[in-house]
Amino acid sequence: MLRSFISTAAAALVLAAPAVASAETQPDSFAYKGVSYSYTTETKGEEKIVRGTAYAGKVPFELHIRKKSVEGTFNDRPVAFTLNDVKKLGIAVDAAK
């Protein structure tokens, strides 16, 4: 269950990351299923990096979004999944952004 929650939270972050592509390194936030996330994004080559916190700054995360996969940490625990896994949750993702 915890793994599912972490994956869902990380997938929500993947969803939000393209929305702020034009505001790189500017802090942004959103809420998903009652949880508030605050984060910044930066692009390094073909990779988008999303860093921030959830749960009022108590849970850190860092995600590295690549063309087909996402890897990183959420609450200091490793997460890794494909963008197809995100789509299976019903979240539309455009990896080109």
N, C-alpha and C. Protein backbone atom coordinates (compact mmCIF):
# COMPACT_ATOMS: atom_id res chain seq x y z
N MET A 1 0.82 -1.19 0.00
CA MET A 1 0.00 0.00 0.00
C MET A 1 0.86 1.26 0.00
N LEU A 2 1.91 1.28 0.81
CA LEU A 2 2.80 2.43 0.84
C LEU A 2 3.44 2.65 -0.52
N ARG A 3 3.87 1.56 -1.16
CA ARG A 3 4.49 1.67 -2.48
C ARG A 3 3.49 2.27 -3.47
N SER A 4 2.25 1.84 -3.40
CA SER A 4 1.21 2.36 -4.28
C SER A 4 1.00 3.85 -4.03
N PHE A 5 0.96 4.25 -2.75
CA PHE A 5 0.79 5.66 -2.42
C PHE A 5 1.95 6.49 -2.95
N ILE A 6 3.17 6.02 -2.72
CA ILE A 6 4.35 6.75 -3.18
C ILE A 6 4.33 6.88 -4.70
N SER A 7 4.00 5.81 -5.39
CA SER A 7 3.94 5.84 -6.85
C SER A 7 2.86 6.81 -7.33
N THR A 8 1.71 6.81 -6.67
CA THR A 8 0.64 7.72 -7.05
C THR A 8 1.05 9.16 -6.82
N ALA A 9 1.69 9.44 -5.69
CA ALA A 9 2.15 10.79 -5.41
C ALA A 9 3.20 11.23 -6.41
N ALA A 10 4.13 10.35 -6.71
CA ALA A 10 5.16 10.68 -7.69
C ALA A 10 4.55 10.89 -9.07
N ALA A 11 3.57 10.09 -9.42
CA ALA A 11 2.89 10.25 -10.71
C ALA A 11 2.18 11.60 -10.78
N ALA A 12 1.60 12.03 -9.68
CA ALA A 12 0.96 13.35 -9.65
C ALA A 12 1.97 14.45 -9.92
N LEU A 13 3.17 14.28 -9.41
CA LEU A 13 4.22 15.25 -9.65
C LEU A 13 4.64 15.26 -11.11
N VAL A 14 4.68 14.10 -11.72
CA VAL A 14 5.01 14.02 -13.14
C VAL A 14 3.97 14.77 -13.95
N LEU A 15 2.72 14.64 -13.56
CA LEU A 15 1.64 15.35 -14.23
C LEU A 15 1.85 16.85 -14.14
N ALA A 16 2.23 17.35 -12.98
CA ALA A 16 2.36 18.78 -12.77
C ALA A 16 3.60 19.37 -13.41
N ALA A 17 4.66 18.62 -13.53
CA ALA A 17 5.93 19.14 -14.02
C ALA A 17 5.84 19.80 -15.39
N PRO A 18 5.19 19.21 -16.39
CA PRO A 18 5.13 19.88 -17.69
C PRO A 18 4.38 21.20 -17.65
N ALA A 19 3.46 21.35 -16.72
CA ALA A 19 2.66 22.57 -16.64
C ALA A 19 3.50 23.78 -16.26
N VAL A 20 4.65 23.56 -15.67
CA VAL A 20 5.48 24.68 -15.25
C VAL A 20 6.79 24.73 -16.04
N ALA A 21 6.82 24.13 -17.19
CA ALA A 21 8.05 24.09 -17.98
C ALA A 21 8.56 25.48 -18.30
N SER A 22 7.66 26.43 -18.49
CA SER A 22 8.09 27.78 -18.82
C SER A 22 8.52 28.56 -17.58
N ALA A 23 8.29 28.03 -16.40
CA ALA A 23 8.63 28.73 -15.16
C ALA A 23 9.70 27.97 -14.40
N GLU A 24 10.70 27.49 -15.10
CA GLU A 24 11.74 26.68 -14.46
C GLU A 24 12.39 27.44 -13.31
N THR A 25 12.74 26.73 -12.28
CA THR A 25 13.35 27.19 -11.04
C THR A 25 12.46 28.15 -10.25
N GLN A 26 11.25 28.42 -10.71
CA GLN A 26 10.30 29.21 -9.95
C GLN A 26 9.48 28.24 -9.09
N PRO A 27 9.36 28.50 -7.80
CA PRO A 27 8.57 27.58 -6.98
C PRO A 27 7.11 27.56 -7.44
N ASP A 28 6.51 26.40 -7.39
CA ASP A 28 5.11 26.25 -7.74
C ASP A 28 4.50 25.23 -6.80
N SER A 29 3.18 25.12 -6.81
CA SER A 29 2.52 24.16 -5.93
C SER A 29 1.21 23.70 -6.54
N PHE A 30 0.72 22.59 -6.03
CA PHE A 30 -0.59 22.07 -6.40
C PHE A 30 -1.03 21.11 -5.30
N ALA A 31 -2.31 20.75 -5.32
CA ALA A 31 -2.85 19.78 -4.37
C ALA A 31 -3.41 18.61 -5.15
N TYR A 32 -3.20 17.40 -4.62
CA TYR A 32 -3.70 16.18 -5.24
C TYR A 32 -4.16 15.25 -4.14
N LYS A 33 -5.42 14.87 -4.18
CA LYS A 33 -6.01 13.99 -3.16
C LYS A 33 -5.75 14.50 -1.74
N GLY A 34 -5.90 15.81 -1.56
CA GLY A 34 -5.77 16.41 -0.24
C GLY A 34 -4.36 16.67 0.23
N VAL A 35 -3.37 16.40 -0.61
CA VAL A 35 -1.97 16.62 -0.24
C VAL A 35 -1.42 17.79 -1.05
N SER A 36 -0.78 18.74 -0.37
CA SER A 36 -0.17 19.88 -1.05
C SER A 36 1.29 19.59 -1.37
N TYR A 37 1.68 19.93 -2.60
CA TYR A 37 3.05 19.74 -3.07
C TYR A 37 3.61 21.10 -3.47
N SER A 38 4.84 21.37 -3.08
CA SER A 38 5.56 22.57 -3.48
C SER A 38 6.84 22.11 -4.16
N TYR A 39 7.18 22.70 -5.31
CA TYR A 39 8.32 22.17 -6.05
C TYR A 39 8.90 23.20 -7.03
N THR A 40 10.09 22.90 -7.51
CA THR A 40 10.71 23.63 -8.61
C THR A 40 11.09 22.62 -9.67
N THR A 41 11.27 23.11 -10.88
CA THR A 41 11.71 22.22 -11.96
C THR A 41 12.92 22.84 -12.64
N GLU A 42 13.74 21.99 -13.20
CA GLU A 42 14.84 22.44 -14.04
C GLU A 42 15.07 21.38 -15.11
N THR A 43 15.60 21.82 -16.22
CA THR A 43 15.89 20.90 -17.31
C THR A 43 17.38 20.82 -17.49
N LYS A 44 17.88 19.59 -17.56
CA LYS A 44 19.29 19.34 -17.85
C LYS A 44 19.34 18.37 -19.01
N GLY A 45 19.67 18.88 -20.18
CA GLY A 45 19.68 18.04 -21.37
C GLY A 45 18.29 17.52 -21.67
N GLU A 46 18.15 16.21 -21.77
CA GLU A 46 16.87 15.56 -22.09
C GLU A 46 16.07 15.23 -20.83
N GLU A 47 16.54 15.66 -19.67
CA GLU A 47 15.94 15.26 -18.40
C GLU A 47 15.32 16.46 -17.70
N LYS A 48 14.13 16.28 -17.16
CA LYS A 48 13.51 17.30 -16.32
C LYS A 48 13.64 16.83 -14.88
N ILE A 49 14.08 17.72 -14.00
CA ILE A 49 14.26 17.39 -12.59
C ILE A 49 13.23 18.19 -11.79
N VAL A 50 12.47 17.48 -10.98
CA VAL A 50 11.45 18.09 -10.13
C VAL A 50 11.89 17.86 -8.68
N ARG A 51 12.07 18.97 -7.93
CA ARG A 51 12.48 18.88 -6.52
C ARG A 51 11.49 19.65 -5.67
N GLY A 52 11.18 19.10 -4.50
CA GLY A 52 10.28 19.81 -3.63
C GLY A 52 9.92 19.03 -2.39
N THR A 53 8.77 19.42 -1.82
CA THR A 53 8.29 18.78 -0.60
C THR A 53 6.77 18.58 -0.69
N ALA A 54 6.30 17.65 0.12
CA ALA A 54 4.86 17.40 0.27
C ALA A 54 4.53 17.43 1.76
N TYR A 55 3.26 17.42 2.07
CA TYR A 55 2.82 17.40 3.46
C TYR A 55 3.45 18.53 4.27
N ALA A 56 3.19 19.75 3.83
CA ALA A 56 3.64 20.96 4.55
C ALA A 56 5.15 20.98 4.76
N GLY A 57 5.89 20.55 3.76
CA GLY A 57 7.35 20.59 3.82
C GLY A 57 8.00 19.44 4.56
N LYS A 58 7.22 18.47 4.99
CA LYS A 58 7.77 17.36 5.79
C LYS A 58 8.32 16.21 4.96
N VAL A 59 7.89 16.06 3.71
CA VAL A 59 8.29 14.92 2.89
C VAL A 59 9.02 15.42 1.64
N PRO A 60 10.33 15.23 1.58
CA PRO A 60 11.09 15.69 0.41
C PRO A 60 10.97 14.71 -0.76
N PHE A 61 11.12 15.26 -1.96
CA PHE A 61 11.16 14.39 -3.14
C PHE A 61 12.06 15.00 -4.21
N GLU A 62 12.57 14.15 -5.06
CA GLU A 62 13.33 14.56 -6.24
C GLU A 62 13.07 13.51 -7.32
N LEU A 63 12.55 13.97 -8.45
CA LEU A 63 12.23 13.06 -9.56
C LEU A 63 12.99 13.48 -10.81
N HIS A 64 13.52 12.51 -11.51
CA HIS A 64 14.22 12.73 -12.77
C HIS A 64 13.34 12.13 -13.87
N ILE A 65 12.74 13.00 -14.66
CA ILE A 65 11.80 12.57 -15.69
C ILE A 65 12.54 12.52 -17.02
N ARG A 66 12.55 11.34 -17.60
CA ARG A 66 13.20 11.13 -18.89
C ARG A 66 12.13 10.83 -19.93
N LYS A 67 12.57 10.51 -21.12
CA LYS A 67 11.65 10.30 -22.23
C LYS A 67 10.57 9.26 -21.93
N LYS A 68 10.95 8.14 -21.32
CA LYS A 68 10.00 7.06 -21.06
C LYS A 68 9.93 6.63 -19.61
N SER A 69 10.76 7.20 -18.74
CA SER A 69 10.81 6.72 -17.36
C SER A 69 10.97 7.86 -16.36
N VAL A 70 10.68 7.53 -15.12
CA VAL A 70 10.84 8.45 -14.00
C VAL A 70 11.58 7.70 -12.90
N GLU A 71 12.62 8.32 -12.35
CA GLU A 71 13.36 7.75 -11.23
C GLU A 71 13.64 8.85 -10.24
N GLY A 72 13.78 8.48 -8.99
CA GLY A 72 14.11 9.47 -7.98
C GLY A 72 13.79 8.97 -6.59
N THR A 73 13.48 9.92 -5.71
CA THR A 73 13.12 9.58 -4.34
C THR A 73 11.86 10.34 -3.93
N PHE A 74 11.09 9.72 -3.06
CA PHE A 74 9.93 10.35 -2.44
C PHE A 74 9.98 9.92 -0.98
N ASN A 75 10.08 10.89 -0.08
CA ASN A 75 10.25 10.61 1.35
C ASN A 75 11.50 9.76 1.58
N ASP A 76 12.56 10.08 0.87
CA ASP A 76 13.85 9.40 0.97
C ASP A 76 13.79 7.92 0.60
N ARG A 77 12.76 7.52 -0.12
CA ARG A 77 12.63 6.14 -0.61
C ARG A 77 12.70 6.16 -2.13
N PRO A 78 13.42 5.21 -2.71
CA PRO A 78 13.55 5.21 -4.16
C PRO A 78 12.22 4.90 -4.86
N VAL A 79 11.97 5.61 -5.94
CA VAL A 79 10.82 5.34 -6.80
C VAL A 79 11.31 5.24 -8.23
N ALA A 80 10.69 4.39 -9.00
CA ALA A 80 11.01 4.25 -10.42
C ALA A 80 9.80 3.67 -11.12
N PHE A 81 9.41 4.28 -12.21
CA PHE A 81 8.29 3.78 -12.99
C PHE A 81 8.37 4.37 -14.39
N THR A 82 7.58 3.83 -15.29
CA THR A 82 7.56 4.33 -16.66
C THR A 82 6.44 5.35 -16.81
N LEU A 83 6.53 6.15 -17.84
CA LEU A 83 5.45 7.09 -18.11
C LEU A 83 4.17 6.33 -18.49
N ASN A 84 4.30 5.13 -19.03
CA ASN A 84 3.12 4.30 -19.31
C ASN A 84 2.39 3.95 -18.02
N ASP A 85 3.14 3.72 -16.92
CA ASP A 85 2.51 3.45 -15.63
C ASP A 85 1.67 4.64 -15.18
N VAL A 86 2.16 5.84 -15.44
CA VAL A 86 1.42 7.06 -15.09
C VAL A 86 0.12 7.10 -15.89
N LYS A 87 0.20 6.80 -17.17
CA LYS A 87 -1.00 6.82 -18.02
C LYS A 87 -2.03 5.79 -17.55
N LYS A 88 -1.57 4.66 -17.03
CA LYS A 88 -2.49 3.62 -16.53
C LYS A 88 -3.31 4.12 -15.34
N LEU A 89 -2.79 5.12 -14.63
CA LEU A 89 -3.52 5.71 -13.51
C LEU A 89 -4.58 6.70 -13.99
N GLY A 90 -4.64 6.90 -15.31
CA GLY A 90 -5.62 7.83 -15.86
C GLY A 90 -5.11 9.25 -15.93
N ILE A 91 -3.79 9.43 -15.82
CA ILE A 91 -3.19 10.76 -15.87
C ILE A 91 -2.57 10.94 -17.25
N ALA A 92 -2.99 11.97 -17.96
CA ALA A 92 -2.45 12.23 -19.30
C ALA A 92 -1.10 12.91 -19.17
N VAL A 93 -0.10 12.37 -19.84
CA VAL A 93 1.26 12.89 -19.78
C VAL A 93 1.77 13.11 -21.18
N ASP A 94 2.34 14.28 -21.41
CA ASP A 94 3.00 14.55 -22.69
C ASP A 94 4.49 14.61 -22.40
N ALA A 95 5.21 13.56 -22.72
CA ALA A 95 6.64 13.47 -22.41
C ALA A 95 7.46 14.46 -23.19
N ALA A 96 6.92 15.05 -24.24
CA ALA A 96 7.68 15.99 -25.06
C ALA A 96 7.83 17.34 -24.39
N LYS A 97 7.03 17.62 -23.39
CA LYS A 97 7.09 18.93 -22.72
C LYS A 97 8.22 18.98 -21.74
